[in-house]
Amino acid sequence: MLLARIFEAQYGVISRSQALGAGMTRKGIEVRLRTGTWRSRFPGTYVVAGSPRSWRQRLMEACLWAGEAALASHRAAAALWKLPGFAETLIEVTVQKHIASPHVLVHRTTTLPSLDAVRREGIPVTAPHRTIIDLCAVVSPRLVEQSLDMFLVRGQTEVDFLWRQLNRIGSVGRCGTAHLRAMLAERAGRLVHPGSSSETRLLTLLRDNGIKGARPQVEIFDGNEFVARPDIVFESLKLAIEVDSWTWHTDKSRRRADARRQNRLERLGLTVLRFFREDVFFDPAYVLAEIRATLLELHTRN
């Protein structure tokens, strides 16, 4: 019964020490391996025959093989946290000892405190703050920024806490952390953060092209009545920008709500620009030209 519970909780995977602790004998393990009831790809880990094979099973298998303190990390952790831009393909772990396998990307660290470790979907994984810091070394600053804002919007970490953890872990010799420090400095004191990867991308485009004054997720009121929270607002010129995606804006009721909200914003004196996610990512020149032209027109008018 205990063995069954372990297998169920760990995607059909068990470590040798867990099996022995649950009452299995060494001979019993050997019999199960010989008869094909269990199979082993990593030393000291076993998968029960017939269990569904999946990325999570392989990730759990790698963590058990790598040892008690091992954590899914870097891109594997990002995929487990369901961050946009990360597929459930890589098997990547962080450990405190020298091990190697052709099936696993292994990162070694001198310290891995309990603060950096959590469980997600039953798998030991780096906490959000550690995941962001680790990602700096293996992906582009743009993808780090997108992931950072996703964690902030979900409330899974905070800017001040990330500052403290980055200082604790140290940035000397860590690739990309200079970019992360700049991102945190930009977000320090900001109560609201971009709500999607598209908004993050657009804010980055505006910043990199010298267009200042953009604020994400500004709440607009008509007296005491809440009207909308546009993706980006230039408050001094009363320009609101919305970034739509096919995922969220294809059904009739949502399009109707969008139209009503836009009408209210325009009645309050705001100019509204709308772009699709594809515009922001694949035709940034068009997006920037439209925003620049509108800002110039509004500035001239005022």
C-alpha atoms as a PDB file:
ATOM      1  CA  MET A   1       0.000   0.000   0.000  1.00  0.00           C
ATOM      2  CA  LEU A   2       2.804   2.438   0.872  1.00  0.00           C
ATOM      3  CA  LEU A   3       4.611   1.604  -2.357  1.00  0.00           C
ATOM      4  CA  ALA A   4       1.445   2.280  -4.350  1.00  0.00           C
ATOM      5  CA  ARG A   5       1.015   5.682  -2.700  1.00  0.00           C
ATOM      6  CA  ILE A   6       4.614   6.635  -3.490  1.00  0.00           C
ATOM      7  CA  PHE A   7       4.266   5.595  -7.115  1.00  0.00           C
ATOM      8  CA  GLU A   8       0.991   7.501  -7.414  1.00  0.00           C
ATOM      9  CA  ALA A   9       2.478  10.681  -5.917  1.00  0.00           C
ATOM     10  CA  GLN A  10       5.644  10.515  -8.040  1.00  0.00           C
ATOM     11  CA  TYR A  11       4.349   9.755 -11.545  1.00  0.00           C
ATOM     12  CA  GLY A  12       5.151   6.052 -11.255  1.00  0.00           C
ATOM     13  CA  VAL A  13       8.749   6.614 -10.063  1.00  0.00           C
ATOM     14  CA  ILE A  14      10.472   5.533  -6.840  1.00  0.00           C
ATOM     15  CA  SER A  15      14.038   5.731  -5.552  1.00  0.00           C
ATOM     16  CA  ARG A  16      15.917   2.770  -4.133  1.00  0.00           C
ATOM     17  CA  SER A  17      16.027   4.329  -0.665  1.00  0.00           C
ATOM     18  CA  GLN A  18      12.265   4.976  -0.781  1.00  0.00           C
ATOM     19  CA  ALA A  19      11.570   1.395  -1.842  1.00  0.00           C
ATOM     20  CA  LEU A  20      13.718  -0.018   0.970  1.00  0.00           C
ATOM     21  CA  GLY A  21      12.112   2.382   3.440  1.00  0.00           C
ATOM     22  CA  ALA A  22       8.675   1.162   2.354  1.00  0.00           C
ATOM     23  CA  GLY A  23       9.588  -2.436   3.239  1.00  0.00           C
ATOM     24  CA  MET A  24      11.028  -3.757  -0.023  1.00  0.00           C
ATOM     25  CA  THR A  25      14.088  -5.999   0.181  1.00  0.00           C
ATOM     26  CA  ARG A  26      17.081  -5.847  -2.132  1.00  0.00           C
ATOM     27  CA  LYS A  27      16.096  -9.235  -3.518  1.00  0.00           C
ATOM     28  CA  GLY A  28      12.548  -8.025  -4.087  1.00  0.00           C
ATOM     29  CA  ILE A  29      13.852  -5.082  -6.117  1.00  0.00           C
ATOM     30  CA  GLU A  30      16.070  -7.388  -8.183  1.00  0.00           C
ATOM     31  CA  VAL A  31      13.140  -9.700  -8.938  1.00  0.00           C
ATOM     32  CA  ARG A  32      10.960  -6.804 -10.114  1.00  0.00           C
ATOM     33  CA  LEU A  33      13.730  -5.541 -12.369  1.00  0.00           C
ATOM     34  CA  ARG A  34      14.425  -9.002 -13.786  1.00  0.00           C
ATOM     35  CA  THR A  35      10.756  -9.697 -14.507  1.00  0.00           C
ATOM     36  CA  GLY A  36      10.154  -6.265 -16.041  1.00  0.00           C
ATOM     37  CA  THR A  37       7.714  -5.150 -13.358  1.00  0.00           C
ATOM     38  CA  TRP A  38      10.042  -2.234 -12.753  1.00  0.00           C
ATOM     39  CA  ARG A  39      12.553  -0.680 -15.113  1.00  0.00           C
ATOM     40  CA  SER A  40      15.542   1.547 -14.391  1.00  0.00           C
ATOM     41  CA  ARG A  41      17.092   4.244 -16.536  1.00  0.00           C
ATOM     42  CA  PHE A  42      19.094   5.983 -13.801  1.00  0.00           C
ATOM     43  CA  PRO A  43      21.069   4.226 -11.044  1.00  0.00           C
ATOM     44  CA  GLY A  44      18.944   3.916  -7.914  1.00  0.00           C
ATOM     45  CA  THR A  45      15.609   4.918  -9.480  1.00  0.00           C
ATOM     46  CA  TYR A  46      12.798   2.693 -10.749  1.00  0.00           C
ATOM     47  CA  VAL A  47       9.705   3.228 -12.879  1.00  0.00           C
ATOM     48  CA  VAL A  48       6.763   0.879 -12.541  1.00  0.00           C
ATOM     49  CA  ALA A  49       5.850  -0.833 -15.807  1.00  0.00           C
ATOM     50  CA  GLY A  50       2.696   0.458 -17.446  1.00  0.00           C
ATOM     51  CA  SER A  51       2.775   3.903 -15.858  1.00  0.00           C
ATOM     52  CA  PRO A  52       2.078   6.765 -18.290  1.00  0.00           C
ATOM     53  CA  ARG A  53       5.330   8.098 -19.726  1.00  0.00           C
ATOM     54  CA  SER A  54       5.554  11.873 -19.621  1.00  0.00           C
ATOM     55  CA  TRP A  55       7.894  14.829 -19.237  1.00  0.00           C
ATOM     56  CA  ARG A  56       6.938  15.103 -15.554  1.00  0.00           C
ATOM     57  CA  GLN A  57       7.784  11.463 -14.988  1.00  0.00           C
ATOM     58  CA  ARG A  58      11.230  11.938 -16.548  1.00  0.00           C
ATOM     59  CA  LEU A  59      11.775  15.102 -14.519  1.00  0.00           C
ATOM     60  CA  MET A  60      10.826  13.343 -11.284  1.00  0.00           C
ATOM     61  CA  GLU A  61      13.085  10.439 -12.233  1.00  0.00           C
ATOM     62  CA  ALA A  62      16.016  12.828 -12.750  1.00  0.00           C
ATOM     63  CA  CYS A  63      15.419  14.577  -9.409  1.00  0.00           C
ATOM     64  CA  LEU A  64      15.347  11.255  -7.520  1.00  0.00           C
ATOM     65  CA  TRP A  65      18.492  10.074  -9.314  1.00  0.00           C
ATOM     66  CA  ALA A  66      20.303  13.349  -8.527  1.00  0.00           C
ATOM     67  CA  GLY A  67      19.723  13.018  -4.788  1.00  0.00           C
ATOM     68  CA  GLU A  68      17.605  14.256  -1.924  1.00  0.00           C
ATOM     69  CA  ALA A  69      18.509  17.944  -2.325  1.00  0.00           C
ATOM     70  CA  ALA A  70      18.180  18.042  -6.121  1.00  0.00           C
ATOM     71  CA  LEU A  71      15.689  20.442  -7.702  1.00  0.00           C
ATOM     72  CA  ALA A  72      14.207  20.842 -11.152  1.00  0.00           C
ATOM     73  CA  SER A  73      15.647  24.170 -12.246  1.00  0.00           C
ATOM     74  CA  HIS A  74      16.319  26.710 -14.985  1.00  0.00           C
ATOM     75  CA  ARG A  75      14.177  26.041 -18.117  1.00  0.00           C
ATOM     76  CA  ALA A  76      12.615  22.904 -16.648  1.00  0.00           C
ATOM     77  CA  ALA A  77      11.509  24.906 -13.603  1.00  0.00           C
ATOM     78  CA  ALA A  78      10.144  27.661 -15.858  1.00  0.00           C
ATOM     79  CA  ALA A  79       8.079  25.083 -17.764  1.00  0.00           C
ATOM     80  CA  LEU A  80       6.827  23.584 -14.495  1.00  0.00           C
ATOM     81  CA  TRP A  81       5.798  27.074 -13.345  1.00  0.00           C
ATOM     82  CA  LYS A  82       3.977  27.413 -16.692  1.00  0.00           C
ATOM     83  CA  LEU A  83       5.882  30.499 -17.796  1.00  0.00           C
ATOM     84  CA  PRO A  84       5.220  31.507 -21.430  1.00  0.00           C
ATOM     85  CA  GLY A  85       8.004  30.612 -23.846  1.00  0.00           C
ATOM     86  CA  PHE A  86       9.114  27.417 -22.090  1.00  0.00           C
ATOM     87  CA  ALA A  87       8.150  24.003 -23.440  1.00  0.00           C
ATOM     88  CA  GLU A  88       7.913  20.835 -21.369  1.00  0.00           C
ATOM     89  CA  THR A  89      10.915  19.205 -23.033  1.00  0.00           C
ATOM     90  CA  LEU A  90      14.197  19.810 -21.195  1.00  0.00           C
ATOM     91  CA  ILE A  91      15.217  17.767 -18.152  1.00  0.00           C
ATOM     92  CA  GLU A  92      17.287  20.208 -16.096  1.00  0.00           C
ATOM     93  CA  VAL A  93      18.272  19.958 -12.421  1.00  0.00           C
ATOM     94  CA  THR A  94      20.474  21.731  -9.883  1.00  0.00           C
ATOM     95  CA  VAL A  95      22.500  19.690  -7.380  1.00  0.00           C
ATOM     96  CA  GLN A  96      25.290  20.113  -4.835  1.00  0.00           C
ATOM     97  CA  LYS A  97      27.464  17.232  -6.021  1.00  0.00           C
ATOM     98  CA  HIS A  98      29.355  16.145  -9.125  1.00  0.00           C
ATOM     99  CA  ILE A  99      27.122  13.897 -11.235  1.00  0.00           C
ATOM    100  CA  ALA A 100      26.520  13.544 -14.952  1.00  0.00           C
ATOM    101  CA  SER A 101      24.066  11.877 -17.323  1.00  0.00           C
ATOM    102  CA  PRO A 102      23.487  12.171 -21.078  1.00  0.00           C
ATOM    103  CA  HIS A 103      19.768  12.447 -20.339  1.00  0.00           C
ATOM    104  CA  VAL A 104      19.942  15.411 -17.924  1.00  0.00           C
ATOM    105  CA  LEU A 105      21.271  18.970 -17.975  1.00  0.00           C
ATOM    106  CA  VAL A 106      22.974  19.218 -14.586  1.00  0.00           C
ATOM    107  CA  HIS A 107      23.873  22.492 -12.843  1.00  0.00           C
ATOM    108  CA  ARG A 108      26.004  22.442  -9.739  1.00  0.00           C
ATOM    109  CA  THR A 109      25.748  24.884  -6.842  1.00  0.00           C
ATOM    110  CA  THR A 110      27.651  25.147  -3.580  1.00  0.00           C
ATOM    111  CA  THR A 111      24.540  25.951  -1.539  1.00  0.00           C
ATOM    112  CA  LEU A 112      20.869  25.174  -2.041  1.00  0.00           C
ATOM    113  CA  PRO A 113      18.990  26.433   1.044  1.00  0.00           C
ATOM    114  CA  SER A 114      15.444  25.368   1.826  1.00  0.00           C
ATOM    115  CA  LEU A 115      14.239  28.893   0.951  1.00  0.00           C
ATOM    116  CA  ASP A 116      15.071  28.169  -2.695  1.00  0.00           C
ATOM    117  CA  ALA A 117      13.165  24.871  -2.804  1.00  0.00           C
ATOM    118  CA  VAL A 118       9.440  24.185  -3.133  1.00  0.00           C
ATOM    119  CA  ARG A 119       7.262  21.443  -4.592  1.00  0.00           C
ATOM    120  CA  ARG A 120       5.047  22.004  -7.581  1.00  0.00           C
ATOM    121  CA  GLU A 121       2.792  19.254  -8.863  1.00  0.00           C
ATOM    122  CA  GLY A 122       4.709  16.909  -6.568  1.00  0.00           C
ATOM    123  CA  ILE A 123       8.117  17.682  -8.107  1.00  0.00           C
ATOM    124  CA  PRO A 124      10.922  19.420  -6.146  1.00  0.00           C
ATOM    125  CA  VAL A 125      11.622  22.656  -7.995  1.00  0.00           C
ATOM    126  CA  THR A 126      13.370  25.982  -7.526  1.00  0.00           C
ATOM    127  CA  ALA A 127      11.155  28.675  -6.007  1.00  0.00           C
ATOM    128  CA  PRO A 128      10.120  31.598  -8.267  1.00  0.00           C
ATOM    129  CA  HIS A 129      12.915  33.917  -7.089  1.00  0.00           C
ATOM    130  CA  ARG A 130      15.598  31.275  -7.659  1.00  0.00           C
ATOM    131  CA  THR A 131      14.080  30.302 -11.014  1.00  0.00           C
ATOM    132  CA  ILE A 132      14.325  33.906 -12.245  1.00  0.00           C
ATOM    133  CA  ILE A 133      17.936  34.265 -11.078  1.00  0.00           C
ATOM    134  CA  ASP A 134      18.907  30.941 -12.694  1.00  0.00           C
ATOM    135  CA  LEU A 135      17.198  31.829 -15.975  1.00  0.00           C
ATOM    136  CA  CYS A 136      19.505  34.833 -16.362  1.00  0.00           C
ATOM    137  CA  ALA A 137      22.345  32.457 -17.261  1.00  0.00           C
ATOM    138  CA  VAL A 138      20.540  30.403 -19.901  1.00  0.00           C
ATOM    139  CA  VAL A 139      17.970  32.550 -21.757  1.00  0.00           C
ATOM    140  CA  SER A 140      17.747  36.032 -23.258  1.00  0.00           C
ATOM    141  CA  PRO A 141      17.086  39.122 -21.116  1.00  0.00           C
ATOM    142  CA  ARG A 142      13.769  39.516 -22.954  1.00  0.00           C
ATOM    143  CA  LEU A 143      12.605  36.084 -21.816  1.00  0.00           C
ATOM    144  CA  VAL A 144      13.829  36.759 -18.269  1.00  0.00           C
ATOM    145  CA  GLU A 145      11.850  40.012 -18.196  1.00  0.00           C
ATOM    146  CA  GLN A 146       8.731  38.279 -19.507  1.00  0.00           C
ATOM    147  CA  SER A 147       9.073  35.589 -16.831  1.00  0.00           C
ATOM    148  CA  LEU A 148       9.727  38.143 -14.104  1.00  0.00           C
ATOM    149  CA  ASP A 149       6.563  40.066 -14.915  1.00  0.00           C
ATOM    150  CA  MET A 150       4.518  36.867 -15.034  1.00  0.00           C
ATOM    151  CA  PHE A 151       5.673  35.918 -11.522  1.00  0.00           C
ATOM    152  CA  LEU A 152       4.972  39.467 -10.278  1.00  0.00           C
ATOM    153  CA  VAL A 153       1.487  39.584 -11.789  1.00  0.00           C
ATOM    154  CA  ARG A 154       0.619  36.201 -10.275  1.00  0.00           C
ATOM    155  CA  GLY A 155       1.862  37.403  -6.880  1.00  0.00           C
ATOM    156  CA  GLN A 156       4.365  34.536  -6.665  1.00  0.00           C
ATOM    157  CA  THR A 157       7.254  36.847  -5.805  1.00  0.00           C
ATOM    158  CA  GLU A 158       7.928  40.544  -5.121  1.00  0.00           C
ATOM    159  CA  VAL A 159      10.547  43.007  -6.295  1.00  0.00           C
ATOM    160  CA  ASP A 160      11.965  43.749  -2.828  1.00  0.00           C
ATOM    161  CA  PHE A 161      12.183  40.045  -2.000  1.00  0.00           C
ATOM    162  CA  LEU A 162      13.964  39.357  -5.303  1.00  0.00           C
ATOM    163  CA  TRP A 163      16.472  42.126  -4.540  1.00  0.00           C
ATOM    164  CA  ARG A 164      17.274  40.497  -1.204  1.00  0.00           C
ATOM    165  CA  GLN A 165      17.636  37.024  -2.693  1.00  0.00           C
ATOM    166  CA  LEU A 166      19.818  38.259  -5.535  1.00  0.00           C
ATOM    167  CA  ASN A 167      22.098  39.936  -2.991  1.00  0.00           C
ATOM    168  CA  ARG A 168      22.113  36.777  -0.869  1.00  0.00           C
ATOM    169  CA  ILE A 169      22.933  34.425  -3.718  1.00  0.00           C
ATOM    170  CA  GLY A 170      25.415  36.873  -5.212  1.00  0.00           C
ATOM    171  CA  SER A 171      25.816  38.057  -8.772  1.00  0.00           C
ATOM    172  CA  VAL A 172      29.581  37.707  -9.208  1.00  0.00           C
ATOM    173  CA  GLY A 173      30.163  35.167 -11.960  1.00  0.00           C
ATOM    174  CA  ARG A 174      26.431  34.826 -12.651  1.00  0.00           C
ATOM    175  CA  CYS A 175      25.642  35.665 -16.260  1.00  0.00           C
ATOM    176  CA  GLY A 176      22.765  38.041 -16.904  1.00  0.00           C
ATOM    177  CA  THR A 177      22.183  39.287 -13.378  1.00  0.00           C
ATOM    178  CA  ALA A 178      23.182  42.827 -14.354  1.00  0.00           C
ATOM    179  CA  HIS A 179      20.142  42.848 -16.654  1.00  0.00           C
ATOM    180  CA  LEU A 180      17.997  41.503 -13.827  1.00  0.00           C
ATOM    181  CA  ARG A 181      19.173  44.262 -11.478  1.00  0.00           C
ATOM    182  CA  ALA A 182      18.165  46.854 -14.085  1.00  0.00           C
ATOM    183  CA  MET A 183      14.727  45.222 -14.423  1.00  0.00           C
ATOM    184  CA  LEU A 184      14.213  45.208 -10.665  1.00  0.00           C
ATOM    185  CA  ALA A 185      15.326  48.835 -10.385  1.00  0.00           C
ATOM    186  CA  GLU A 186      12.784  49.807 -13.031  1.00  0.00           C
ATOM    187  CA  ARG A 187      10.006  47.980 -11.149  1.00  0.00           C
ATOM    188  CA  ALA A 188      10.929  49.128  -7.635  1.00  0.00           C
ATOM    189  CA  GLY A 189       7.977  50.891  -6.040  1.00  0.00           C
ATOM    190  CA  ARG A 190       5.631  49.997  -8.886  1.00  0.00           C
ATOM    191  CA  LEU A 191       2.369  48.647  -7.493  1.00  0.00           C
ATOM    192  CA  VAL A 192       1.079  47.232 -10.758  1.00  0.00           C
ATOM    193  CA  HIS A 193       3.071  45.212 -13.261  1.00  0.00           C
ATOM    194  CA  PRO A 194       2.431  44.194 -16.875  1.00  0.00           C
ATOM    195  CA  GLY A 195      -0.282  41.578 -17.157  1.00  0.00           C
ATOM    196  CA  SER A 196       0.985  39.553 -20.099  1.00  0.00           C
ATOM    197  CA  SER A 197       4.035  38.771 -22.202  1.00  0.00           C
ATOM    198  CA  SER A 198       2.652  41.065 -24.924  1.00  0.00           C
ATOM    199  CA  GLU A 199       2.545  44.017 -22.545  1.00  0.00           C
ATOM    200  CA  THR A 200       6.057  43.291 -21.333  1.00  0.00           C
ATOM    201  CA  ARG A 201       7.248  43.123 -24.933  1.00  0.00           C
ATOM    202  CA  LEU A 202       5.570  46.424 -25.793  1.00  0.00           C
ATOM    203  CA  LEU A 203       6.986  48.172 -22.723  1.00  0.00           C
ATOM    204  CA  THR A 204      10.436  46.920 -23.705  1.00  0.00           C
ATOM    205  CA  LEU A 205       9.989  48.199 -27.261  1.00  0.00           C
ATOM    206  CA  LEU A 206       8.937  51.629 -26.001  1.00  0.00           C
ATOM    207  CA  ARG A 207      11.838  51.838 -23.560  1.00  0.00           C
ATOM    208  CA  ASP A 208      14.436  50.632 -26.068  1.00  0.00           C
ATOM    209  CA  ASN A 209      13.238  53.185 -28.615  1.00  0.00           C
ATOM    210  CA  GLY A 210      13.284  56.150 -26.241  1.00  0.00           C
ATOM    211  CA  ILE A 211       9.521  56.537 -25.869  1.00  0.00           C
ATOM    212  CA  LYS A 212       8.901  57.590 -22.272  1.00  0.00           C
ATOM    213  CA  GLY A 213       5.857  57.976 -20.071  1.00  0.00           C
ATOM    214  CA  ALA A 214       4.233  54.562 -20.535  1.00  0.00           C
ATOM    215  CA  ARG A 215       2.628  52.988 -17.462  1.00  0.00           C
ATOM    216  CA  PRO A 216       1.090  49.521 -17.329  1.00  0.00           C
ATOM    217  CA  GLN A 217      -2.316  48.576 -15.957  1.00  0.00           C
ATOM    218  CA  VAL A 218      -3.505  52.070 -14.945  1.00  0.00           C
ATOM    219  CA  GLU A 219      -7.027  52.060 -13.491  1.00  0.00           C
ATOM    220  CA  ILE A 220      -9.434  54.509 -15.163  1.00  0.00           C
ATOM    221  CA  PHE A 221     -12.474  55.792 -13.234  1.00  0.00           C
ATOM    222  CA  ASP A 222     -15.546  57.819 -14.195  1.00  0.00           C
ATOM    223  CA  GLY A 223     -16.088  59.610 -10.904  1.00  0.00           C
ATOM    224  CA  ASN A 224     -16.097  56.759  -8.392  1.00  0.00           C
ATOM    225  CA  GLU A 225     -17.035  54.124 -10.978  1.00  0.00           C
ATOM    226  CA  PHE A 226     -14.282  51.859 -12.286  1.00  0.00           C
ATOM    227  CA  VAL A 227     -14.229  51.792 -16.094  1.00  0.00           C
ATOM    228  CA  ALA A 228     -11.162  49.930 -17.287  1.00  0.00           C
ATOM    229  CA  ARG A 229      -7.551  49.003 -16.726  1.00  0.00           C
ATOM    230  CA  PRO A 230      -5.842  49.464 -20.120  1.00  0.00           C
ATOM    231  CA  ASP A 231      -2.664  47.523 -20.777  1.00  0.00           C
ATOM    232  CA  ILE A 232      -0.587  50.706 -21.160  1.00  0.00           C
ATOM    233  CA  VAL A 233      -1.455  54.367 -20.575  1.00  0.00           C
ATOM    234  CA  PHE A 234       0.315  57.647 -21.333  1.00  0.00           C
ATOM    235  CA  GLU A 235      -1.483  59.641 -18.660  1.00  0.00           C
ATOM    236  CA  SER A 236      -0.378  63.169 -19.557  1.00  0.00           C
ATOM    237  CA  LEU A 237      -1.596  62.786 -23.158  1.00  0.00           C
ATOM    238  CA  LYS A 238      -4.593  60.569 -22.297  1.00  0.00           C
ATOM    239  CA  LEU A 239      -3.569  57.753 -24.618  1.00  0.00           C
ATOM    240  CA  ALA A 240      -4.609  54.175 -23.794  1.00  0.00           C
ATOM    241  CA  ILE A 241      -3.113  51.159 -25.573  1.00  0.00           C
ATOM    242  CA  GLU A 242      -4.667  47.688 -25.570  1.00  0.00           C
ATOM    243  CA  VAL A 243      -2.862  44.548 -26.759  1.00  0.00           C
ATOM    244  CA  ASP A 244      -5.332  41.860 -27.799  1.00  0.00           C
ATOM    245  CA  SER A 245      -4.741  38.166 -28.375  1.00  0.00           C
ATOM    246  CA  TRP A 246      -6.816  35.704 -30.347  1.00  0.00           C
ATOM    247  CA  THR A 247      -6.981  33.533 -27.244  1.00  0.00           C
ATOM    248  CA  TRP A 248      -8.880  36.074 -25.166  1.00  0.00           C
ATOM    249  CA  HIS A 249     -10.725  38.119 -27.769  1.00  0.00           C
ATOM    250  CA  THR A 250     -12.418  35.673 -30.152  1.00  0.00           C
ATOM    251  CA  ASP A 251     -15.769  35.090 -28.470  1.00  0.00           C
ATOM    252  CA  LYS A 252     -18.682  37.447 -29.102  1.00  0.00           C
ATOM    253  CA  SER A 253     -19.311  38.395 -25.464  1.00  0.00           C
ATOM    254  CA  ARG A 254     -15.693  39.438 -24.931  1.00  0.00           C
ATOM    255  CA  ARG A 255     -15.617  41.494 -28.134  1.00  0.00           C
ATOM    256  CA  ARG A 256     -18.816  43.172 -26.991  1.00  0.00           C
ATOM    257  CA  ALA A 257     -17.306  43.986 -23.583  1.00  0.00           C
ATOM    258  CA  ASP A 258     -14.165  45.342 -25.278  1.00  0.00           C
ATOM    259  CA  ALA A 259     -16.226  47.629 -27.514  1.00  0.00           C
ATOM    260  CA  ARG A 260     -18.250  48.970 -24.584  1.00  0.00           C
ATOM    261  CA  ARG A 261     -15.114  49.620 -22.562  1.00  0.00           C
ATOM    262  CA  GLN A 262     -13.477  51.433 -25.476  1.00  0.00           C
ATOM    263  CA  ASN A 263     -16.562  53.613 -25.962  1.00  0.00           C
ATOM    264  CA  ARG A 264     -16.452  54.599 -22.284  1.00  0.00           C
ATOM    265  CA  LEU A 265     -12.751  55.442 -22.472  1.00  0.00           C
ATOM    266  CA  GLU A 266     -13.220  57.592 -25.560  1.00  0.00           C
ATOM    267  CA  ARG A 267     -16.160  59.380 -23.950  1.00  0.00           C
ATOM    268  CA  LEU A 268     -13.841  60.203 -21.038  1.00  0.00           C
ATOM    269  CA  GLY A 269     -11.485  61.869 -23.511  1.00  0.00           C
ATOM    270  CA  LEU A 270      -8.925  59.099 -23.997  1.00  0.00           C
ATOM    271  CA  THR A 271      -7.553  58.102 -27.363  1.00  0.00           C
ATOM    272  CA  VAL A 272      -7.435  54.299 -27.674  1.00  0.00           C
ATOM    273  CA  LEU A 273      -4.983  52.357 -29.829  1.00  0.00           C
ATOM    274  CA  ARG A 274      -5.456  48.594 -30.272  1.00  0.00           C
ATOM    275  CA  PHE A 275      -2.863  46.100 -31.461  1.00  0.00           C
ATOM    276  CA  PHE A 276      -2.793  42.338 -31.689  1.00  0.00           C
ATOM    277  CA  ARG A 277      -0.115  40.257 -30.008  1.00  0.00           C
ATOM    278  CA  GLU A 278       1.205  39.343 -33.455  1.00  0.00           C
ATOM    279  CA  ASP A 279       1.744  43.056 -34.210  1.00  0.00           C
ATOM    280  CA  VAL A 280       3.834  43.530 -31.081  1.00  0.00           C
ATOM    281  CA  PHE A 281       6.025  40.485 -31.608  1.00  0.00           C
ATOM    282  CA  PHE A 282       6.306  40.284 -35.395  1.00  0.00           C
ATOM    283  CA  ASP A 283       5.721  43.804 -36.723  1.00  0.00           C
ATOM    284  CA  PRO A 284       7.148  46.138 -34.059  1.00  0.00           C
ATOM    285  CA  ALA A 285       8.002  48.818 -36.664  1.00  0.00           C
ATOM    286  CA  TYR A 286       4.289  49.248 -37.415  1.00  0.00           C
ATOM    287  CA  VAL A 287       3.401  49.409 -33.713  1.00  0.00           C
ATOM    288  CA  LEU A 288       6.091  51.972 -32.927  1.00  0.00           C
ATOM    289  CA  ALA A 289       5.158  54.124 -35.950  1.00  0.00           C
ATOM    290  CA  GLU A 290       1.485  54.203 -34.911  1.00  0.00           C
ATOM    291  CA  ILE A 291       2.324  55.090 -31.306  1.00  0.00           C
ATOM    292  CA  ARG A 292       4.816  57.797 -32.300  1.00  0.00           C
ATOM    293  CA  ALA A 293       2.363  59.377 -34.757  1.00  0.00           C
ATOM    294  CA  THR A 294      -0.447  59.348 -32.200  1.00  0.00           C
ATOM    295  CA  LEU A 295       1.740  60.792 -29.448  1.00  0.00           C
ATOM    296  CA  LEU A 296       2.904  63.564 -31.782  1.00  0.00           C
ATOM    297  CA  GLU A 297      -0.675  64.361 -32.778  1.00  0.00           C
ATOM    298  CA  LEU A 298      -1.844  64.450 -29.157  1.00  0.00           C
ATOM    299  CA  HIS A 299       1.131  66.559 -28.095  1.00  0.00           C
ATOM    300  CA  THR A 300       0.442  69.038 -30.903  1.00  0.00           C
ATOM    301  CA  ARG A 301      -3.250  69.143 -30.058  1.00  0.00           C
ATOM    302  CA  ASN A 302      -2.540  69.868 -26.391  1.00  0.00           C
END
